[in-house]
Protein backbone atom coordinates (compact mmCIF):
# COMPACT_ATOMS: atom_id res chain seq x y z
CA MET A 1 -52.48 0.32 -25.63
CA ALA A 2 -53.64 1.03 -21.99
CA THR A 3 -51.24 -0.63 -19.18
CA THR A 4 -52.92 -1.61 -15.89
CA ILE A 5 -50.44 -0.82 -12.60
CA ALA A 6 -52.93 -1.30 -9.73
CA THR A 7 -56.08 -3.82 -9.19
CA LEU A 8 -58.27 -1.97 -6.45
CA THR A 9 -61.34 -3.30 -4.62
CA GLU A 10 -64.18 -1.37 -2.96
CA LYS A 11 -64.30 -1.44 0.21
CA THR A 12 -67.51 -0.35 2.27
CA ASP A 13 -65.93 2.49 3.76
CA GLY A 14 -65.61 3.87 0.21
CA SER A 15 -61.86 2.94 0.30
CA LEU A 16 -60.19 1.30 -2.37
CA GLU A 17 -57.42 -0.98 -1.43
CA GLY A 18 -55.03 -3.30 -3.26
CA ILE A 19 -51.29 -4.17 -4.96
CA PHE A 20 -49.55 -1.13 -6.74
CA ALA A 21 -47.50 -3.42 -9.21
CA THR A 22 -44.53 -2.04 -11.82
CA ILE A 23 -41.04 -4.09 -12.56
CA LYS A 24 -39.69 -2.14 -10.01
CA VAL A 25 -42.45 -1.66 -7.38
CA ASN A 26 -44.81 -4.17 -5.75
CA ALA A 27 -46.51 -2.36 -2.92
CA PRO A 28 -49.83 -2.85 -1.20
CA ILE A 29 -52.50 0.54 -1.55
CA ALA A 30 -55.35 1.93 -0.23
CA LEU A 31 -57.00 5.23 -1.23
CA ILE A 32 -58.64 6.75 1.43
CA PRO A 33 -61.62 9.43 0.36
CA ASN A 34 -60.25 12.93 1.80
CA ALA A 35 -62.61 13.70 4.74
CA GLN A 36 -60.74 17.10 5.51
CA LYS A 37 -61.00 18.50 1.47
CA ALA A 38 -60.83 22.12 2.19
CA SER A 39 -61.04 23.27 -1.35
CA GLU A 40 -62.07 22.57 -4.86
CA GLY A 41 -58.67 21.83 -5.98
CA ALA A 42 -57.69 19.61 -3.23
CA PRO A 43 -57.54 16.04 -3.51
CA ASP A 44 -60.47 13.84 -3.17
CA TYR A 45 -58.13 10.44 -2.37
CA ARG A 46 -55.04 10.00 -0.07
CA ILE A 47 -52.93 7.28 -1.47
CA ILE A 48 -51.70 5.27 1.14
CA HIS A 49 -48.50 2.65 1.43
CA ARG A 50 -50.43 0.16 3.79
CA ARG A 51 -47.45 -1.43 5.66
CA THR A 52 -46.06 1.91 6.79
CA GLY A 53 -48.78 4.16 6.82
CA PHE A 54 -47.14 7.20 4.53
CA GLU A 55 -49.01 8.68 1.89
CA ILE A 56 -47.54 8.20 -1.40
CA GLY A 57 -49.76 10.37 -3.26
CA ALA A 58 -53.10 11.61 -3.99
CA GLY A 59 -56.08 11.75 -6.52
CA TRP A 60 -58.67 13.18 -8.23
CA TYR A 61 -62.03 11.94 -9.06
CA LEU A 62 -63.03 12.40 -12.80
CA GLN A 63 -66.29 11.72 -14.29
CA LEU A 64 -65.07 10.58 -17.42
CA ALA A 65 -68.40 9.20 -19.18
CA ALA A 66 -72.10 8.41 -17.72
CA HIS A 67 -71.12 4.18 -16.84
CA ARG A 68 -67.15 5.24 -16.19
CA ARG A 69 -65.23 6.65 -13.77
CA GLY A 70 -61.38 7.26 -12.90
CA ILE A 71 -58.98 8.46 -10.31
CA PRO A 72 -56.06 10.50 -11.72
CA LEU A 73 -53.22 9.96 -9.35
CA GLY A 74 -50.24 12.27 -8.61
CA GLU A 75 -47.19 11.66 -6.04
CA ALA A 76 -46.90 12.86 -2.69
CA GLY A 77 -46.21 16.60 -2.69
CA SER A 78 -47.38 17.42 -6.28
CA ALA A 79 -50.67 18.24 -6.05
């Protein structure tokens, strides 16, 4: 069974915004497309804490099936 830890809304500029929420964390986040992607292995998205502006993670676009997509996420510095 999957647990939802973030609910995001896609914006017209291609970014996603919403709330990352767990038992201990409740943070406003934005997933911003990585305009400076320099290599195939570089993240497709940067995860930014909307209150502080700090980068807190990264994400890579993943095509799951013709009608589904996902963005696996990682902590900042794990890429």
